[in-house]
Amino acid sequence: MIEHQNQSFVLIDDNANSWLIEESSLLTDLQKNGRLLVIKPFAYTGISEDEMNKVTNYVDHINKSQ
């Protein structure tokens, strides 16, 4: 991510909670600048349809703005 800070990212991880994001100034900056979408699916069921729609909308938005 450091080498590609001008790009956007999607992080999907059931452990992507505040300790992961807040401990990384890079992840915090990317998230504040709208370059990082964090999805925290429920560990036992995986990514939901609503969460997948958020990913799709985010990627579509990024592609349109390029």
C-alpha atoms as a PDB file:
ATOM      1  CA  MET A   1       0.000   0.000   0.000  1.00  0.00           C
ATOM      2  CA  ILE A   2       2.865   2.349   0.716  1.00  0.00           C
ATOM      3  CA  GLU A   3       4.062   2.075  -2.872  1.00  0.00           C
ATOM      4  CA  HIS A   4       0.549   2.672  -4.251  1.00  0.00           C
ATOM      5  CA  GLN A   5      -0.838   5.360  -1.929  1.00  0.00           C
ATOM      6  CA  ASN A   6      -2.429   7.171  -4.870  1.00  0.00           C
ATOM      7  CA  GLN A   7      -4.688   4.168  -5.516  1.00  0.00           C
ATOM      8  CA  SER A   8      -7.801   2.995  -3.675  1.00  0.00           C
ATOM      9  CA  PHE A   9      -8.216  -0.172  -1.655  1.00  0.00           C
ATOM     10  CA  VAL A  10     -10.882  -2.427  -0.211  1.00  0.00           C
ATOM     11  CA  LEU A  11     -10.029  -4.257   3.006  1.00  0.00           C
ATOM     12  CA  ILE A  12     -12.328  -7.168   3.830  1.00  0.00           C
ATOM     13  CA  ASP A  13     -11.439  -8.822   7.114  1.00  0.00           C
ATOM     14  CA  ASP A  14     -13.503  -9.910  10.084  1.00  0.00           C
ATOM     15  CA  ASN A  15     -10.636  -8.629  12.271  1.00  0.00           C
ATOM     16  CA  ALA A  16     -10.443  -5.201  10.621  1.00  0.00           C
ATOM     17  CA  ASN A  17     -11.351  -3.370  13.767  1.00  0.00           C
ATOM     18  CA  SER A  18     -10.008  -0.231  15.341  1.00  0.00           C
ATOM     19  CA  TRP A  19      -6.778  -1.813  16.591  1.00  0.00           C
ATOM     20  CA  LEU A  20      -5.820  -2.654  12.998  1.00  0.00           C
ATOM     21  CA  ILE A  21      -6.782   0.663  11.419  1.00  0.00           C
ATOM     22  CA  GLU A  22      -5.776   3.002  14.243  1.00  0.00           C
ATOM     23  CA  GLU A  23      -2.340   1.424  14.619  1.00  0.00           C
ATOM     24  CA  SER A  24      -1.506   2.181  10.993  1.00  0.00           C
ATOM     25  CA  SER A  25      -1.177   5.819  10.025  1.00  0.00           C
ATOM     26  CA  LEU A  26      -1.219   4.750   6.365  1.00  0.00           C
ATOM     27  CA  LEU A  27      -4.552   2.925   6.720  1.00  0.00           C
ATOM     28  CA  THR A  28      -5.987   5.795   8.766  1.00  0.00           C
ATOM     29  CA  ASP A  29      -4.943   8.360   6.148  1.00  0.00           C
ATOM     30  CA  LEU A  30      -6.253   6.236   3.275  1.00  0.00           C
ATOM     31  CA  GLN A  31      -9.589   5.796   5.042  1.00  0.00           C
ATOM     32  CA  LYS A  32      -9.901   9.516   5.879  1.00  0.00           C
ATOM     33  CA  ASN A  33      -9.170  10.410   2.247  1.00  0.00           C
ATOM     34  CA  GLY A  34     -11.775   7.980   0.909  1.00  0.00           C
ATOM     35  CA  ARG A  35      -9.140   5.683  -0.568  1.00  0.00           C
ATOM     36  CA  LEU A  36      -9.868   2.751   1.744  1.00  0.00           C
ATOM     37  CA  LEU A  37     -13.165   0.979   2.226  1.00  0.00           C
ATOM     38  CA  VAL A  38     -13.156  -1.327   5.239  1.00  0.00           C
ATOM     39  CA  ILE A  39     -15.652  -4.165   5.356  1.00  0.00           C
ATOM     40  CA  LYS A  40     -15.867  -6.228   8.547  1.00  0.00           C
ATOM     41  CA  PRO A  41     -18.039  -9.248   7.760  1.00  0.00           C
ATOM     42  CA  PHE A  42     -19.372 -11.424  10.528  1.00  0.00           C
ATOM     43  CA  ALA A  43     -16.809 -14.207  10.946  1.00  0.00           C
ATOM     44  CA  TYR A  44     -19.307 -17.063  10.996  1.00  0.00           C
ATOM     45  CA  THR A  45     -21.317 -16.112   7.913  1.00  0.00           C
ATOM     46  CA  GLY A  46     -18.882 -14.175   5.735  1.00  0.00           C
ATOM     47  CA  ILE A  47     -19.610 -11.146   3.617  1.00  0.00           C
ATOM     48  CA  SER A  48     -23.283 -10.231   3.361  1.00  0.00           C
ATOM     49  CA  GLU A  49     -25.149  -9.063   0.283  1.00  0.00           C
ATOM     50  CA  ASP A  50     -25.325  -5.554   1.729  1.00  0.00           C
ATOM     51  CA  GLU A  51     -21.570  -5.507   2.336  1.00  0.00           C
ATOM     52  CA  MET A  52     -20.900  -6.813  -1.162  1.00  0.00           C
ATOM     53  CA  ASN A  53     -23.112  -4.045  -2.557  1.00  0.00           C
ATOM     54  CA  LYS A  54     -21.007  -1.498  -0.640  1.00  0.00           C
ATOM     55  CA  VAL A  55     -17.865  -2.930  -2.250  1.00  0.00           C
ATOM     56  CA  THR A  56     -19.456  -2.839  -5.699  1.00  0.00           C
ATOM     57  CA  ASN A  57     -20.639   0.759  -5.253  1.00  0.00           C
ATOM     58  CA  TYR A  58     -17.220   1.837  -3.986  1.00  0.00           C
ATOM     59  CA  VAL A  59     -15.384   0.222  -6.902  1.00  0.00           C
ATOM     60  CA  ASP A  60     -17.890   1.663  -9.395  1.00  0.00           C
ATOM     61  CA  HIS A  61     -17.417   5.129  -7.880  1.00  0.00           C
ATOM     62  CA  ILE A  62     -13.624   4.840  -8.058  1.00  0.00           C
ATOM     63  CA  ASN A  63     -13.746   3.654 -11.676  1.00  0.00           C
ATOM     64  CA  LYS A  64     -16.020   6.541 -12.709  1.00  0.00           C
ATOM     65  CA  SER A  65     -13.792   9.140 -11.086  1.00  0.00           C
ATOM     66  CA  GLN A  66     -10.666   8.001 -12.916  1.00  0.00           C
END
